N, C-alpha and C. Protein backbone atom coordinates (compact mmCIF):
# COMPACT_ATOMS: atom_id res chain seq x y z
N UNK A 1 0.82 -1.19 0.01
CA UNK A 1 0.01 -0.02 -0.01
C UNK A 1 0.85 1.27 -0.02
N UNK A 2 1.90 1.23 0.87
CA UNK A 2 2.76 2.44 0.94
C UNK A 2 3.45 2.70 -0.38
N UNK A 3 3.89 1.63 -1.03
CA UNK A 3 4.55 1.79 -2.32
C UNK A 3 3.63 2.37 -3.33
N UNK A 4 2.41 1.83 -3.40
CA UNK A 4 1.42 2.32 -4.40
C UNK A 4 1.15 3.78 -4.15
N UNK A 5 0.91 4.21 -2.90
CA UNK A 5 0.62 5.58 -2.57
C UNK A 5 1.81 6.52 -2.85
N UNK A 6 3.00 5.98 -2.63
CA UNK A 6 4.23 6.78 -2.88
C UNK A 6 4.32 7.12 -4.37
N UNK A 7 3.99 6.19 -5.21
CA UNK A 7 3.96 6.41 -6.62
C UNK A 7 2.95 7.49 -6.98
N UNK A 8 1.85 7.51 -6.35
CA UNK A 8 0.84 8.54 -6.58
C UNK A 8 1.42 9.90 -6.14
N UNK A 9 2.18 9.87 -5.05
CA UNK A 9 2.74 11.14 -4.60
C UNK A 9 3.66 11.80 -5.61
N UNK A 10 4.37 10.95 -6.40
CA UNK A 10 5.28 11.51 -7.34
C UNK A 10 4.64 12.37 -8.39
N UNK A 11 3.28 12.43 -8.45
CA UNK A 11 2.62 13.29 -9.35
C UNK A 11 2.84 14.74 -8.89
N UNK A 12 3.21 14.90 -7.63
CA UNK A 12 3.61 16.29 -7.21
C UNK A 12 2.71 16.93 -6.16
N UNK A 13 1.56 16.37 -5.87
CA UNK A 13 0.66 16.98 -4.93
C UNK A 13 0.55 16.17 -3.63
N UNK A 14 1.54 16.34 -2.79
CA UNK A 14 1.59 15.54 -1.57
C UNK A 14 0.39 15.86 -0.60
N UNK A 15 0.02 17.14 -0.57
CA UNK A 15 -1.06 17.54 0.29
C UNK A 15 -2.34 16.78 -0.02
N UNK A 16 -2.68 16.72 -1.31
CA UNK A 16 -3.89 15.93 -1.73
C UNK A 16 -3.72 14.45 -1.43
N UNK A 17 -2.50 13.92 -1.66
CA UNK A 17 -2.27 12.51 -1.36
C UNK A 17 -2.43 12.20 0.11
N UNK A 18 -2.00 13.12 0.98
CA UNK A 18 -2.17 12.90 2.39
C UNK A 18 -3.65 12.93 2.82
N UNK A 19 -4.41 13.89 2.25
CA UNK A 19 -5.83 13.96 2.56
C UNK A 19 -6.54 12.69 2.06
N UNK A 20 -6.26 12.28 0.82
CA UNK A 20 -6.91 11.08 0.33
C UNK A 20 -6.54 9.83 1.11
N UNK A 21 -5.28 9.73 1.56
CA UNK A 21 -4.91 8.62 2.37
C UNK A 21 -5.60 8.62 3.73
N UNK A 22 -5.76 9.83 4.29
CA UNK A 22 -6.46 9.96 5.58
C UNK A 22 -7.88 9.46 5.43
N UNK A 23 -8.57 9.87 4.37
CA UNK A 23 -9.93 9.36 4.07
C UNK A 23 -9.96 7.86 4.08
N UNK A 24 -9.00 7.32 3.31
CA UNK A 24 -8.95 5.84 3.18
C UNK A 24 -8.72 5.14 4.52
N UNK A 25 -7.77 5.69 5.33
CA UNK A 25 -7.49 5.12 6.60
C UNK A 25 -8.66 5.24 7.53
N UNK A 26 -9.35 6.37 7.52
CA UNK A 26 -10.51 6.58 8.34
C UNK A 26 -11.62 5.59 8.04
N UNK A 27 -11.86 5.40 6.77
CA UNK A 27 -12.95 4.46 6.34
C UNK A 27 -12.60 3.03 6.66
N UNK A 28 -11.29 2.70 6.60
CA UNK A 28 -10.90 1.32 6.87
C UNK A 28 -10.61 1.04 8.33
N UNK A 29 -10.08 2.02 9.07
CA UNK A 29 -9.57 1.73 10.39
C UNK A 29 -10.16 2.68 11.49
N UNK A 30 -10.83 3.75 11.07
CA UNK A 30 -11.40 4.68 12.06
C UNK A 30 -10.46 5.86 12.30
N UNK A 31 -11.02 6.95 12.84
CA UNK A 31 -10.27 8.16 13.11
C UNK A 31 -9.06 7.90 14.09
N UNK A 32 -9.33 7.02 15.04
CA UNK A 32 -8.29 6.79 16.08
C UNK A 32 -7.02 6.28 15.52
N UNK A 33 -7.05 5.68 14.24
CA UNK A 33 -5.88 5.16 13.67
C UNK A 33 -4.92 6.17 13.09
N UNK A 34 -5.45 7.42 13.00
CA UNK A 34 -4.69 8.45 12.31
C UNK A 34 -3.64 9.04 13.25
N UNK A 35 -2.41 8.92 12.85
CA UNK A 35 -1.30 9.71 13.43
C UNK A 35 -0.49 10.21 12.29
N UNK A 36 0.33 11.19 12.51
CA UNK A 36 1.18 11.71 11.44
C UNK A 36 2.14 10.63 10.99
N UNK A 37 2.60 9.84 11.93
CA UNK A 37 3.54 8.73 11.60
C UNK A 37 2.89 7.63 10.74
N UNK A 38 1.72 7.17 11.23
CA UNK A 38 1.00 6.12 10.46
C UNK A 38 0.63 6.60 9.07
N UNK A 39 0.22 7.87 9.00
CA UNK A 39 -0.15 8.43 7.63
C UNK A 39 1.00 8.50 6.75
N UNK A 40 2.13 8.94 7.24
CA UNK A 40 3.36 9.07 6.44
C UNK A 40 3.75 7.71 5.91
N UNK A 41 3.70 6.69 6.78
CA UNK A 41 4.02 5.33 6.36
C UNK A 41 3.07 4.83 5.29
N UNK A 42 1.79 5.14 5.49
CA UNK A 42 0.77 4.70 4.54
C UNK A 42 1.03 5.28 3.15
N UNK A 43 1.38 6.56 3.10
CA UNK A 43 1.65 7.21 1.83
C UNK A 43 2.97 6.91 1.30
N UNK A 44 3.92 6.62 2.15
CA UNK A 44 5.30 6.31 1.71
C UNK A 44 6.18 7.48 1.65
N UNK A 45 6.03 8.42 2.65
CA UNK A 45 6.88 9.60 2.68
C UNK A 45 7.35 9.79 4.12
N UNK A 46 8.26 10.68 4.36
CA UNK A 46 8.75 10.94 5.76
C UNK A 46 7.74 11.79 6.45
N UNK A 47 7.79 11.69 7.81
CA UNK A 47 6.95 12.59 8.62
C UNK A 47 7.28 14.04 8.39
N UNK A 48 8.60 14.29 8.11
CA UNK A 48 8.97 15.66 7.87
C UNK A 48 8.26 16.23 6.63
N UNK A 49 8.10 15.44 5.60
CA UNK A 49 7.40 15.81 4.39
C UNK A 49 5.91 16.10 4.68
N UNK A 50 5.30 15.25 5.52
CA UNK A 50 3.93 15.42 5.88
C UNK A 50 3.68 16.74 6.70
N UNK A 51 4.63 17.03 7.61
CA UNK A 51 4.53 18.22 8.42
C UNK A 51 4.73 19.48 7.65
N UNK A 52 5.29 19.39 6.46
CA UNK A 52 5.40 20.57 5.62
C UNK A 52 4.00 21.07 5.18
N UNK A 53 3.07 20.19 5.18
CA UNK A 53 1.71 20.59 4.65
C UNK A 53 0.70 20.72 5.81
N UNK A 54 0.94 20.02 6.95
CA UNK A 54 0.06 20.12 8.06
C UNK A 54 0.79 20.24 9.38
N UNK A 55 0.44 21.23 10.17
CA UNK A 55 1.19 21.49 11.43
C UNK A 55 1.05 20.32 12.41
N UNK A 56 -0.12 19.75 12.39
CA UNK A 56 -0.40 18.68 13.33
C UNK A 56 -1.59 17.85 12.85
N UNK A 57 -1.91 16.82 13.65
CA UNK A 57 -3.05 15.93 13.32
C UNK A 57 -4.36 16.69 13.21
N UNK A 58 -4.58 17.65 14.07
CA UNK A 58 -5.85 18.42 14.07
C UNK A 58 -5.98 19.17 12.75
N UNK A 59 -4.89 19.77 12.29
CA UNK A 59 -4.97 20.48 11.02
C UNK A 59 -5.23 19.55 9.85
N UNK A 60 -4.65 18.35 9.94
CA UNK A 60 -4.85 17.32 8.88
C UNK A 60 -6.27 16.89 8.87
N UNK A 61 -6.89 16.60 10.00
CA UNK A 61 -8.24 16.12 10.07
C UNK A 61 -9.23 17.20 9.66
N UNK A 62 -8.90 18.47 10.02
CA UNK A 62 -9.76 19.56 9.54
C UNK A 62 -9.78 19.71 8.05
N UNK A 63 -8.61 19.61 7.42
CA UNK A 63 -8.52 19.65 5.99
C UNK A 63 -9.24 18.45 5.35
N UNK A 64 -9.17 17.30 6.00
CA UNK A 64 -9.88 16.17 5.53
C UNK A 64 -11.42 16.31 5.57
N UNK A 65 -11.87 16.93 6.67
CA UNK A 65 -13.29 17.23 6.83
C UNK A 65 -13.75 18.17 5.78
N UNK A 66 -12.96 19.16 5.46
CA UNK A 66 -13.24 20.13 4.38
C UNK A 66 -13.52 19.42 3.08
N UNK A 67 -12.57 18.44 2.76
CA UNK A 67 -12.75 17.69 1.54
C UNK A 67 -14.00 16.83 1.58
N UNK A 68 -14.34 16.36 2.76
CA UNK A 68 -15.58 15.59 2.89
C UNK A 68 -16.79 16.40 2.60
N UNK A 69 -16.85 17.57 3.11
CA UNK A 69 -18.01 18.49 2.85
C UNK A 69 -18.07 18.87 1.34
N UNK A 70 -16.86 19.00 0.72
CA UNK A 70 -16.88 19.28 -0.70
C UNK A 70 -17.49 18.08 -1.45
N UNK A 71 -17.15 16.86 -1.14
CA UNK A 71 -17.71 15.68 -1.78
C UNK A 71 -19.22 15.61 -1.49
N UNK A 72 -19.57 15.83 -0.24
CA UNK A 72 -20.96 15.81 0.21
C UNK A 72 -21.78 16.77 -0.57
N UNK A 73 -21.32 18.00 -0.68
CA UNK A 73 -22.01 19.03 -1.46
C UNK A 73 -22.21 18.64 -2.92
N UNK A 74 -21.16 18.01 -3.46
CA UNK A 74 -21.29 17.58 -4.87
C UNK A 74 -22.35 16.51 -5.03
N UNK A 75 -22.44 15.58 -4.09
CA UNK A 75 -23.43 14.53 -4.17
C UNK A 75 -24.87 15.15 -4.15
N UNK A 76 -25.06 16.16 -3.29
CA UNK A 76 -26.34 16.81 -3.22
C UNK A 76 -26.59 17.63 -4.41
N UNK A 77 -25.57 18.29 -5.00
CA UNK A 77 -25.73 19.14 -6.18
C UNK A 77 -26.15 18.36 -7.38
N UNK A 78 -25.54 17.14 -7.51
CA UNK A 78 -25.82 16.31 -8.70
C UNK A 78 -27.32 15.97 -8.70
N UNK A 79 -27.85 15.62 -7.54
CA UNK A 79 -29.32 15.31 -7.45
C UNK A 79 -30.12 16.53 -7.67
N UNK A 80 -29.73 17.68 -7.15
CA UNK A 80 -30.57 18.92 -7.30
C UNK A 80 -30.59 19.36 -8.70
N UNK A 81 -29.51 19.18 -9.52
CA UNK A 81 -29.40 19.73 -10.88
C UNK A 81 -29.90 18.76 -11.95
N UNK A 82 -30.44 17.56 -11.54
CA UNK A 82 -30.89 16.56 -12.47
C UNK A 82 -32.23 16.99 -13.11
N UNK A 83 -32.17 17.78 -14.15
CA UNK A 83 -33.38 18.34 -14.77
C UNK A 83 -34.22 17.37 -15.57
N UNK A 84 -33.77 16.15 -15.60
CA UNK A 84 -34.58 15.06 -16.22
C UNK A 84 -35.68 14.66 -15.20
N UNK A 85 -35.57 15.10 -13.99
CA UNK A 85 -36.60 14.79 -12.97
C UNK A 85 -37.30 16.06 -12.54
N UNK A 86 -38.55 15.91 -12.01
CA UNK A 86 -39.26 17.08 -11.51
C UNK A 86 -38.71 17.48 -10.16
N UNK A 87 -39.13 18.58 -9.68
CA UNK A 87 -38.56 19.21 -8.46
C UNK A 87 -38.75 18.32 -7.26
N UNK A 88 -39.90 17.72 -7.07
CA UNK A 88 -40.14 16.85 -5.92
C UNK A 88 -39.24 15.63 -5.98
N UNK A 89 -39.09 15.01 -7.17
CA UNK A 89 -38.24 13.87 -7.27
C UNK A 89 -36.78 14.24 -7.01
N UNK A 90 -36.34 15.39 -7.42
CA UNK A 90 -34.96 15.85 -7.15
C UNK A 90 -34.73 16.00 -5.61
N UNK A 91 -35.73 16.57 -4.95
CA UNK A 91 -35.72 16.77 -3.55
C UNK A 91 -35.59 15.43 -2.87
N UNK A 92 -36.33 14.42 -3.28
CA UNK A 92 -36.23 13.10 -2.69
C UNK A 92 -34.89 12.46 -2.99
N UNK A 93 -34.39 12.69 -4.20
CA UNK A 93 -33.07 12.18 -4.55
C UNK A 93 -32.00 12.74 -3.67
N UNK A 94 -32.13 14.02 -3.31
CA UNK A 94 -31.15 14.68 -2.41
C UNK A 94 -31.16 14.03 -1.08
N UNK A 95 -32.37 13.67 -0.58
CA UNK A 95 -32.48 13.01 0.69
C UNK A 95 -31.76 11.67 0.64
N UNK A 96 -31.97 10.93 -0.42
CA UNK A 96 -31.34 9.61 -0.56
C UNK A 96 -29.84 9.78 -0.70
N UNK A 97 -29.39 10.82 -1.41
CA UNK A 97 -27.93 11.06 -1.56
C UNK A 97 -27.36 11.36 -0.19
N UNK A 98 -28.08 12.09 0.63
CA UNK A 98 -27.61 12.42 2.00
C UNK A 98 -27.32 11.12 2.79
N UNK A 99 -28.38 10.28 2.79
CA UNK A 99 -28.27 9.06 3.56
C UNK A 99 -27.18 8.13 3.00
N UNK A 100 -27.10 8.05 1.65
CA UNK A 100 -26.13 7.18 1.04
C UNK A 100 -24.72 7.61 1.38
N UNK A 101 -24.46 8.96 1.35
CA UNK A 101 -23.16 9.42 1.66
C UNK A 101 -22.75 9.04 3.09
N UNK A 102 -23.64 9.19 4.01
CA UNK A 102 -23.36 8.87 5.42
C UNK A 102 -23.08 7.42 5.58
N UNK A 103 -23.91 6.51 4.92
CA UNK A 103 -23.74 5.10 5.08
C UNK A 103 -22.41 4.59 4.42
N UNK A 104 -22.12 5.14 3.25
CA UNK A 104 -20.98 4.71 2.51
C UNK A 104 -19.65 5.25 3.08
N UNK A 105 -19.79 6.28 3.90
CA UNK A 105 -18.58 6.96 4.44
C UNK A 105 -18.81 7.23 5.95
N UNK A 106 -19.21 6.21 6.63
CA UNK A 106 -19.65 6.35 8.02
C UNK A 106 -18.64 7.05 8.96
N UNK A 107 -17.39 6.49 8.97
CA UNK A 107 -16.38 7.12 9.78
C UNK A 107 -16.05 8.52 9.38
N UNK A 108 -15.99 8.70 8.10
CA UNK A 108 -15.72 10.00 7.54
C UNK A 108 -16.79 11.00 7.90
N UNK A 109 -18.07 10.55 7.81
CA UNK A 109 -19.21 11.38 8.13
C UNK A 109 -19.15 11.87 9.64
N UNK A 110 -18.79 10.92 10.50
CA UNK A 110 -18.62 11.27 11.90
C UNK A 110 -17.56 12.31 12.06
N UNK A 111 -16.43 12.18 11.38
CA UNK A 111 -15.41 13.20 11.46
C UNK A 111 -15.88 14.54 11.03
N UNK A 112 -16.61 14.60 9.92
CA UNK A 112 -17.06 15.91 9.40
C UNK A 112 -17.94 16.69 10.42
N UNK A 113 -18.77 15.88 11.13
CA UNK A 113 -19.70 16.55 12.03
C UNK A 113 -19.32 16.45 13.50
N UNK A 114 -18.10 15.90 13.75
CA UNK A 114 -17.68 15.68 15.11
C UNK A 114 -16.82 16.80 15.64
N UNK A 115 -16.34 16.63 16.88
CA UNK A 115 -15.52 17.67 17.50
C UNK A 115 -14.05 17.40 17.43
N UNK A 116 -13.65 16.38 16.60
CA UNK A 116 -12.22 16.14 16.42
C UNK A 116 -11.60 17.19 15.58
N UNK A 117 -12.35 17.85 14.71
CA UNK A 117 -11.82 18.85 13.81
C UNK A 117 -11.97 20.25 14.41
N UNK A 118 -11.29 21.22 13.78
CA UNK A 118 -11.26 22.61 14.31
C UNK A 118 -12.53 23.27 13.79
N UNK A 119 -13.63 23.25 14.55
CA UNK A 119 -14.90 23.73 14.08
C UNK A 119 -14.92 25.22 13.75
N UNK A 120 -14.06 25.97 14.42
CA UNK A 120 -14.04 27.40 14.12
C UNK A 120 -13.30 27.78 12.89
N UNK A 121 -12.78 26.77 12.20
CA UNK A 121 -12.01 26.99 11.00
C UNK A 121 -12.94 27.61 9.92
N UNK A 122 -12.52 28.69 9.36
CA UNK A 122 -13.41 29.43 8.42
C UNK A 122 -13.69 28.68 7.15
N UNK A 123 -12.71 27.93 6.63
CA UNK A 123 -12.94 27.19 5.37
C UNK A 123 -13.86 26.03 5.68
N UNK A 124 -13.75 25.43 6.80
CA UNK A 124 -14.63 24.33 7.16
C UNK A 124 -16.07 24.83 7.26
N UNK A 125 -16.26 25.94 7.88
CA UNK A 125 -17.62 26.50 8.00
C UNK A 125 -18.17 26.79 6.62
N UNK A 126 -17.33 27.31 5.72
CA UNK A 126 -17.79 27.69 4.41
C UNK A 126 -18.20 26.46 3.59
N UNK A 127 -17.44 25.35 3.66
CA UNK A 127 -17.80 24.17 2.91
C UNK A 127 -18.99 23.55 3.49
N UNK A 128 -19.21 23.55 4.82
CA UNK A 128 -20.42 23.07 5.43
C UNK A 128 -21.62 23.89 4.97
N UNK A 129 -21.45 25.21 4.91
CA UNK A 129 -22.53 26.10 4.42
C UNK A 129 -22.86 25.76 3.00
N UNK A 130 -21.86 25.43 2.20
CA UNK A 130 -22.13 25.05 0.80
C UNK A 130 -23.04 23.90 0.71
N UNK A 131 -22.90 22.87 1.52
CA UNK A 131 -23.74 21.71 1.54
C UNK A 131 -25.15 22.13 1.98
N UNK A 132 -25.29 22.94 3.00
CA UNK A 132 -26.57 23.39 3.47
C UNK A 132 -27.26 24.24 2.38
N UNK A 133 -26.50 25.02 1.66
CA UNK A 133 -27.02 25.86 0.59
C UNK A 133 -27.70 25.03 -0.51
N UNK A 134 -27.12 23.81 -0.77
CA UNK A 134 -27.76 22.94 -1.74
C UNK A 134 -29.20 22.63 -1.38
N UNK A 135 -29.36 22.31 -0.06
CA UNK A 135 -30.73 22.03 0.44
C UNK A 135 -31.57 23.25 0.40
N UNK A 136 -31.00 24.37 0.77
CA UNK A 136 -31.79 25.61 0.75
C UNK A 136 -32.29 25.94 -0.68
N UNK A 137 -31.43 25.70 -1.67
CA UNK A 137 -31.82 26.02 -3.03
C UNK A 137 -32.96 25.16 -3.57
N UNK A 138 -32.94 23.90 -3.16
CA UNK A 138 -34.07 23.03 -3.63
C UNK A 138 -35.36 23.42 -2.88
N UNK A 139 -35.22 23.84 -1.68
CA UNK A 139 -36.45 24.40 -0.91
C UNK A 139 -37.02 25.58 -1.59
N UNK A 140 -36.12 26.48 -1.98
CA UNK A 140 -36.53 27.71 -2.68
C UNK A 140 -37.19 27.38 -4.00
N UNK A 141 -36.62 26.37 -4.70
CA UNK A 141 -37.22 25.97 -5.97
C UNK A 141 -38.59 25.34 -5.81
N UNK A 142 -38.73 24.54 -4.73
CA UNK A 142 -40.06 23.94 -4.50
C UNK A 142 -41.10 25.02 -4.14
N UNK A 143 -40.64 26.06 -3.50
CA UNK A 143 -41.55 27.17 -3.22
C UNK A 143 -41.96 27.90 -4.49
N UNK A 144 -40.98 28.10 -5.43
CA UNK A 144 -41.25 28.75 -6.68
C UNK A 144 -42.29 28.00 -7.52
N UNK A 145 -42.22 26.70 -7.48
CA UNK A 145 -43.23 25.92 -8.29
C UNK A 145 -44.49 25.56 -7.46
N UNK A 146 -44.54 26.17 -6.31
CA UNK A 146 -45.67 26.03 -5.39
C UNK A 146 -45.91 24.54 -4.97
N UNK A 147 -44.83 23.85 -4.83
CA UNK A 147 -44.92 22.45 -4.38
C UNK A 147 -45.00 22.42 -2.87
N UNK A 148 -44.51 23.42 -2.19
CA UNK A 148 -44.59 23.50 -0.75
C UNK A 148 -45.00 24.93 -0.32
N UNK A 149 -45.37 25.07 0.92
CA UNK A 149 -45.79 26.43 1.38
C UNK A 149 -44.54 27.37 1.42
N UNK A 150 -44.85 28.65 1.37
CA UNK A 150 -43.77 29.68 1.31
C UNK A 150 -43.49 30.20 2.71
N UNK A 151 -43.05 29.29 3.62
CA UNK A 151 -42.56 29.75 4.91
C UNK A 151 -41.07 30.11 4.74
N UNK A 152 -40.43 30.51 5.81
CA UNK A 152 -38.99 30.88 5.76
C UNK A 152 -38.20 29.67 5.27
N UNK A 153 -37.64 29.81 4.04
CA UNK A 153 -36.93 28.66 3.45
C UNK A 153 -35.70 28.12 4.30
N UNK A 154 -35.06 29.07 5.00
CA UNK A 154 -33.90 28.67 5.80
C UNK A 154 -34.39 27.82 6.95
N UNK A 155 -35.51 28.19 7.60
CA UNK A 155 -36.07 27.29 8.68
C UNK A 155 -36.46 25.97 8.19
N UNK A 156 -37.09 25.94 7.01
CA UNK A 156 -37.49 24.67 6.39
C UNK A 156 -36.30 23.82 6.11
N UNK A 157 -35.20 24.40 5.63
CA UNK A 157 -33.98 23.68 5.28
C UNK A 157 -33.37 23.09 6.56
N UNK A 158 -33.34 23.88 7.60
CA UNK A 158 -32.79 23.41 8.90
C UNK A 158 -33.60 22.28 9.43
N UNK A 159 -34.92 22.31 9.28
CA UNK A 159 -35.76 21.20 9.71
C UNK A 159 -35.46 19.95 8.94
N UNK A 160 -35.31 20.05 7.64
CA UNK A 160 -35.00 18.86 6.84
C UNK A 160 -33.57 18.34 7.12
N UNK A 161 -32.61 19.28 7.25
CA UNK A 161 -31.21 18.90 7.54
C UNK A 161 -31.17 18.12 8.88
N UNK A 162 -31.92 18.62 9.85
CA UNK A 162 -31.95 18.01 11.17
C UNK A 162 -32.46 16.57 11.11
N UNK A 163 -33.52 16.36 10.33
CA UNK A 163 -34.14 15.06 10.16
C UNK A 163 -33.13 14.11 9.52
N UNK A 164 -32.52 14.56 8.41
CA UNK A 164 -31.58 13.73 7.67
C UNK A 164 -30.33 13.40 8.51
N UNK A 165 -29.87 14.33 9.24
CA UNK A 165 -28.67 14.10 10.08
C UNK A 165 -28.97 13.12 11.19
N UNK A 166 -30.13 13.32 11.79
CA UNK A 166 -30.53 12.43 12.87
C UNK A 166 -30.72 10.98 12.39
N UNK A 167 -31.34 10.85 11.22
CA UNK A 167 -31.63 9.50 10.67
C UNK A 167 -30.29 8.89 10.26
N UNK A 168 -29.42 9.67 9.59
CA UNK A 168 -28.12 9.17 9.18
C UNK A 168 -27.31 8.69 10.36
N UNK A 169 -27.27 9.48 11.44
CA UNK A 169 -26.53 9.14 12.64
C UNK A 169 -27.06 7.87 13.27
N UNK A 170 -28.37 7.64 13.31
CA UNK A 170 -28.92 6.43 13.85
C UNK A 170 -28.55 5.19 13.04
N UNK A 171 -28.54 5.35 11.74
CA UNK A 171 -28.21 4.25 10.85
C UNK A 171 -26.73 3.89 11.03
N UNK A 172 -25.81 4.85 10.93
CA UNK A 172 -24.38 4.50 10.91
C UNK A 172 -23.90 4.07 12.29
N UNK A 173 -24.67 4.43 13.31
CA UNK A 173 -24.31 4.01 14.69
C UNK A 173 -25.06 2.68 15.03
N UNK A 174 -25.63 2.07 14.03
CA UNK A 174 -26.30 0.75 14.16
C UNK A 174 -27.51 0.82 15.12
N UNK A 175 -28.17 1.89 15.17
CA UNK A 175 -29.38 1.98 15.95
C UNK A 175 -30.62 1.65 15.08
N UNK A 176 -30.41 1.72 13.77
CA UNK A 176 -31.43 1.31 12.78
C UNK A 176 -30.71 0.44 11.72
N UNK A 177 -31.46 -0.46 11.15
CA UNK A 177 -30.85 -1.34 10.12
C UNK A 177 -30.97 -0.69 8.75
N UNK A 178 -29.89 -0.64 8.01
CA UNK A 178 -29.88 -0.01 6.68
C UNK A 178 -30.33 -1.01 5.62
N UNK A 179 -31.61 -1.40 5.74
CA UNK A 179 -32.19 -2.41 4.79
C UNK A 179 -33.60 -2.01 4.51
N UNK A 180 -34.49 -2.96 4.37
CA UNK A 180 -35.90 -2.62 4.06
C UNK A 180 -36.51 -1.69 5.05
N UNK A 181 -36.12 -1.86 6.35
CA UNK A 181 -36.67 -0.99 7.42
C UNK A 181 -36.31 0.46 7.07
N UNK A 182 -35.13 0.73 6.61
CA UNK A 182 -34.71 2.09 6.27
C UNK A 182 -35.52 2.63 5.06
N UNK A 183 -35.70 1.79 4.09
CA UNK A 183 -36.44 2.17 2.90
C UNK A 183 -37.86 2.54 3.28
N UNK A 184 -38.52 1.76 4.10
CA UNK A 184 -39.87 2.02 4.52
C UNK A 184 -39.89 3.33 5.36
N UNK A 185 -38.88 3.51 6.20
CA UNK A 185 -38.79 4.70 7.01
C UNK A 185 -38.60 5.96 6.14
N UNK A 186 -37.81 5.80 5.08
CA UNK A 186 -37.54 6.96 4.18
C UNK A 186 -38.87 7.34 3.50
N UNK A 187 -39.69 6.40 3.14
CA UNK A 187 -41.00 6.70 2.57
C UNK A 187 -41.86 7.40 3.48
N UNK A 188 -41.87 6.93 4.78
CA UNK A 188 -42.68 7.63 5.79
C UNK A 188 -42.18 9.04 6.04
N UNK A 189 -40.86 9.20 6.16
CA UNK A 189 -40.29 10.49 6.47
C UNK A 189 -40.58 11.43 5.28
N UNK A 190 -40.39 10.95 4.07
CA UNK A 190 -40.73 11.74 2.87
C UNK A 190 -42.12 12.27 2.96
N UNK A 191 -43.04 11.37 3.25
CA UNK A 191 -44.48 11.77 3.37
C UNK A 191 -44.71 12.81 4.45
N UNK A 192 -44.06 12.62 5.61
CA UNK A 192 -44.18 13.61 6.71
C UNK A 192 -43.59 14.94 6.34
N UNK A 193 -42.42 14.87 5.72
CA UNK A 193 -41.75 16.13 5.32
C UNK A 193 -42.63 16.92 4.32
N UNK A 194 -43.16 16.24 3.31
CA UNK A 194 -43.95 16.88 2.32
C UNK A 194 -45.25 17.45 2.91
N UNK A 195 -45.79 16.71 3.87
CA UNK A 195 -47.01 17.14 4.55
C UNK A 195 -46.73 18.43 5.37
N UNK A 196 -45.63 18.38 6.14
CA UNK A 196 -45.30 19.50 7.00
C UNK A 196 -44.99 20.78 6.21
N UNK A 197 -44.30 20.55 5.03
CA UNK A 197 -43.92 21.70 4.25
C UNK A 197 -45.05 22.22 3.40
N UNK A 198 -46.09 21.44 3.28
CA UNK A 198 -47.20 21.89 2.40
C UNK A 198 -48.37 22.44 3.19
N UNK A 199 -48.31 22.28 4.52
CA UNK A 199 -49.39 22.88 5.36
C UNK A 199 -49.38 24.36 5.37
């Protein structure tokens, strides 16, 4: 593994290689496995080289969480911009994209929303806001086509975000089974959300 990643590093972007390796290590071994030494060995470079890009583990994990929110936003954006579907269907697809991202990247998702990273980091807040903005934009679109009531779109988006985050956390923490039960629950939640936003 180290040899393979070292070859990737020779492309010249060690910072990106370190972040990608951190994501891989987190998904395979959990956040607790991350140390600057372990990461350097995983990538196949010296710790000195890694420290040129990140002052410490906290800075590394924060940069990794920022990349996570970038990928998360992109998953939501792809669903929102699928103009082959109507607005309600795109909204539902965004909900499924949210859940899928959390399930497929459980340890990574916990890092993004946890207290391991530097939450006051300006770039982290901005990328988190980008993900929230995707939800806000679909809410505003639903209001424009009169698919839901025209309450404060930000409050509506916070309501939806809270439901999706809570459900995602229950699933990835094994409090709910990610099978038929989840599918049935998603249908129920979708119905409740549409009902609450349409009243």
